Amino acid sequence: MKLNVENTVRLKNPKEALSADYGGSRSAAIELFCESCMGGSRSEASNCKAYTCNLWKYRPGSSKHDSPPPGNIPSKEEIEKAISKIPINEARKAWGAKLGAMRKKNAT
């Protein structure tokens, strides 16, 4: 086994690693990811400033009410506006209609 940061973190926290790797625990997987991202330090993971990381809200030591400081990530309105500017060609529309019909058929 190659000992990189990820494996070192798993060996330092064997119960968490078992839960994440074989038990299907999302929270354990997120904690392992954050700790390995921050070089194996749990305290550094809880003080993470990578606000654009999709897991930032779920890092170790955070509360469910944490939100990044304003201006660090786009607002919901800015993201929706960017999505609305994406052109959708006729082939994608047809494929979407086909998928919708298949889902309706399978739901009944």
C-alpha atoms as a PDB file:
ATOM      1  CA  MET A   1       0.000   0.000   0.000  1.00  0.00           C
ATOM      2  CA  LYS A   2       1.330   3.418  -0.973  1.00  0.00           C
ATOM      3  CA  LEU A   3       1.439   5.784   2.008  1.00  0.00           C
ATOM      4  CA  ASN A   4       0.229   9.138   0.768  1.00  0.00           C
ATOM      5  CA  VAL A   5      -1.595  11.775   2.820  1.00  0.00           C
ATOM      6  CA  GLU A   6      -4.987  10.123   2.272  1.00  0.00           C
ATOM      7  CA  ASN A   7      -3.823   6.710   3.464  1.00  0.00           C
ATOM      8  CA  THR A   8      -1.929   8.212   6.401  1.00  0.00           C
ATOM      9  CA  VAL A   9      -5.126   9.951   7.536  1.00  0.00           C
ATOM     10  CA  ARG A  10      -7.039   6.671   7.188  1.00  0.00           C
ATOM     11  CA  LEU A  11      -4.451   4.833   9.291  1.00  0.00           C
ATOM     12  CA  LYS A  12      -4.537   7.577  11.959  1.00  0.00           C
ATOM     13  CA  ASN A  13      -8.350   7.261  12.163  1.00  0.00           C
ATOM     14  CA  PRO A  14      -9.084   3.566  11.530  1.00  0.00           C
ATOM     15  CA  LYS A  15     -12.682   3.574  12.855  1.00  0.00           C
ATOM     16  CA  GLU A  16     -13.565   6.587  10.703  1.00  0.00           C
ATOM     17  CA  ALA A  17     -11.874   4.953   7.700  1.00  0.00           C
ATOM     18  CA  LEU A  18     -13.902   1.757   8.151  1.00  0.00           C
ATOM     19  CA  SER A  19     -17.112   3.767   8.374  1.00  0.00           C
ATOM     20  CA  ALA A  20     -16.270   5.803   5.286  1.00  0.00           C
ATOM     21  CA  ASP A  21     -14.795   3.093   3.098  1.00  0.00           C
ATOM     22  CA  TYR A  22     -16.958   0.108   3.998  1.00  0.00           C
ATOM     23  CA  GLY A  23     -19.864   1.427   6.069  1.00  0.00           C
ATOM     24  CA  GLY A  24     -21.152   4.019   3.614  1.00  0.00           C
ATOM     25  CA  SER A  25     -20.898   6.898   6.107  1.00  0.00           C
ATOM     26  CA  ARG A  26     -20.954  10.215   4.250  1.00  0.00           C
ATOM     27  CA  SER A  27     -19.912  12.266   7.280  1.00  0.00           C
ATOM     28  CA  ALA A  28     -16.874  10.042   7.897  1.00  0.00           C
ATOM     29  CA  ALA A  29     -15.915  10.282   4.221  1.00  0.00           C
ATOM     30  CA  ILE A  30     -16.178  14.082   4.303  1.00  0.00           C
ATOM     31  CA  GLU A  31     -14.086  14.278   7.466  1.00  0.00           C
ATOM     32  CA  LEU A  32     -11.385  12.065   5.943  1.00  0.00           C
ATOM     33  CA  PHE A  33     -11.412  14.112   2.746  1.00  0.00           C
ATOM     34  CA  CYS A  34     -11.103  17.428   4.605  1.00  0.00           C
ATOM     35  CA  GLU A  35      -8.338  16.181   6.873  1.00  0.00           C
ATOM     36  CA  SER A  36      -6.322  14.807   3.954  1.00  0.00           C
ATOM     37  CA  CYS A  37      -6.862  18.060   2.024  1.00  0.00           C
ATOM     38  CA  MET A  38      -5.419  20.004   4.958  1.00  0.00           C
ATOM     39  CA  GLY A  39      -2.357  17.758   5.296  1.00  0.00           C
ATOM     40  CA  GLY A  40      -3.788  15.449   7.945  1.00  0.00           C
ATOM     41  CA  SER A  41      -4.661  18.104  10.516  1.00  0.00           C
ATOM     42  CA  ARG A  42      -8.195  18.042  11.925  1.00  0.00           C
ATOM     43  CA  SER A  43      -7.825  21.503  13.478  1.00  0.00           C
ATOM     44  CA  GLU A  44      -6.752  22.956  10.129  1.00  0.00           C
ATOM     45  CA  ALA A  45      -9.756  21.299   8.476  1.00  0.00           C
ATOM     46  CA  SER A  46     -12.138  22.970  10.922  1.00  0.00           C
ATOM     47  CA  ASN A  47     -10.517  26.362  10.183  1.00  0.00           C
ATOM     48  CA  CYS A  48     -10.625  25.861   6.403  1.00  0.00           C
ATOM     49  CA  LYS A  49     -11.033  28.981   4.268  1.00  0.00           C
ATOM     50  CA  ALA A  50     -11.694  27.201   0.946  1.00  0.00           C
ATOM     51  CA  TYR A  51     -15.200  28.660   0.667  1.00  0.00           C
ATOM     52  CA  THR A  52     -15.693  27.508  -2.920  1.00  0.00           C
ATOM     53  CA  CYS A  53     -15.238  23.852  -1.937  1.00  0.00           C
ATOM     54  CA  ASN A  54     -18.587  22.074  -2.137  1.00  0.00           C
ATOM     55  CA  LEU A  55     -17.866  20.306   1.153  1.00  0.00           C
ATOM     56  CA  TRP A  56     -16.903  23.472   3.084  1.00  0.00           C
ATOM     57  CA  LYS A  57     -20.275  23.598   4.835  1.00  0.00           C
ATOM     58  CA  TYR A  58     -19.867  19.990   6.019  1.00  0.00           C
ATOM     59  CA  ARG A  59     -16.221  20.088   7.167  1.00  0.00           C
ATOM     60  CA  PRO A  60     -15.261  18.818  10.639  1.00  0.00           C
ATOM     61  CA  GLY A  61     -16.111  21.278  13.391  1.00  0.00           C
ATOM     62  CA  SER A  62     -18.699  23.208  11.375  1.00  0.00           C
ATOM     63  CA  SER A  63     -22.304  23.813  12.283  1.00  0.00           C
ATOM     64  CA  LYS A  64     -25.241  23.509   9.908  1.00  0.00           C
ATOM     65  CA  HIS A  65     -25.706  27.281  10.099  1.00  0.00           C
ATOM     66  CA  ASP A  66     -22.226  28.130   8.769  1.00  0.00           C
ATOM     67  CA  SER A  67     -22.187  30.138   5.589  1.00  0.00           C
ATOM     68  CA  PRO A  68     -19.194  31.600   3.764  1.00  0.00           C
ATOM     69  CA  PRO A  69     -18.561  35.334   3.994  1.00  0.00           C
ATOM     70  CA  PRO A  70     -20.375  37.365   1.309  1.00  0.00           C
ATOM     71  CA  GLY A  71     -18.534  37.838  -1.949  1.00  0.00           C
ATOM     72  CA  ASN A  72     -16.625  34.549  -1.797  1.00  0.00           C
ATOM     73  CA  ILE A  73     -19.071  32.479  -3.844  1.00  0.00           C
ATOM     74  CA  PRO A  74     -21.681  33.552  -6.418  1.00  0.00           C
ATOM     75  CA  SER A  75     -25.205  34.126  -5.170  1.00  0.00           C
ATOM     76  CA  LYS A  76     -28.023  31.744  -6.091  1.00  0.00           C
ATOM     77  CA  GLU A  77     -29.425  34.376  -8.452  1.00  0.00           C
ATOM     78  CA  GLU A  78     -26.061  34.753 -10.242  1.00  0.00           C
ATOM     79  CA  ILE A  79     -25.822  30.980 -10.736  1.00  0.00           C
ATOM     80  CA  GLU A  80     -29.411  30.746 -12.026  1.00  0.00           C
ATOM     81  CA  LYS A  81     -28.723  33.638 -14.420  1.00  0.00           C
ATOM     82  CA  ALA A  82     -25.611  31.861 -15.739  1.00  0.00           C
ATOM     83  CA  ILE A  83     -27.588  28.630 -16.217  1.00  0.00           C
ATOM     84  CA  SER A  84     -30.297  30.446 -18.144  1.00  0.00           C
ATOM     85  CA  LYS A  85     -27.669  31.679 -20.652  1.00  0.00           C
ATOM     86  CA  ILE A  86     -26.574  28.132 -21.562  1.00  0.00           C
ATOM     87  CA  PRO A  87     -27.905  27.373 -25.035  1.00  0.00           C
ATOM     88  CA  ILE A  88     -29.894  24.165 -25.336  1.00  0.00           C
ATOM     89  CA  ASN A  89     -29.907  22.712 -28.824  1.00  0.00           C
ATOM     90  CA  GLU A  90     -32.714  20.675 -30.347  1.00  0.00           C
ATOM     91  CA  ALA A  91     -30.904  17.353 -29.851  1.00  0.00           C
ATOM     92  CA  ARG A  92     -30.628  17.972 -26.099  1.00  0.00           C
ATOM     93  CA  LYS A  93     -34.326  18.936 -25.940  1.00  0.00           C
ATOM     94  CA  ALA A  94     -35.298  15.733 -27.765  1.00  0.00           C
ATOM     95  CA  TRP A  95     -33.114  13.625 -25.459  1.00  0.00           C
ATOM     96  CA  GLY A  96     -34.670  15.300 -22.403  1.00  0.00           C
ATOM     97  CA  ALA A  97     -38.171  14.577 -23.732  1.00  0.00           C
ATOM     98  CA  LYS A  98     -37.206  10.942 -24.364  1.00  0.00           C
ATOM     99  CA  LEU A  99     -35.834  10.577 -20.817  1.00  0.00           C
ATOM    100  CA  GLY A 100     -38.982  12.158 -19.382  1.00  0.00           C
ATOM    101  CA  ALA A 101     -41.181   9.716 -21.295  1.00  0.00           C
ATOM    102  CA  MET A 102     -39.080   6.759 -20.129  1.00  0.00           C
ATOM    103  CA  ARG A 103     -39.332   7.892 -16.494  1.00  0.00           C
ATOM    104  CA  LYS A 104     -43.104   8.288 -16.739  1.00  0.00           C
ATOM    105  CA  LYS A 105     -43.389   4.830 -18.266  1.00  0.00           C
ATOM    106  CA  ASN A 106     -41.230   3.266 -15.518  1.00  0.00           C
ATOM    107  CA  ALA A 107     -43.069   5.091 -12.727  1.00  0.00           C
ATOM    108  CA  THR A 108     -46.371   3.411 -13.581  1.00  0.00           C
END
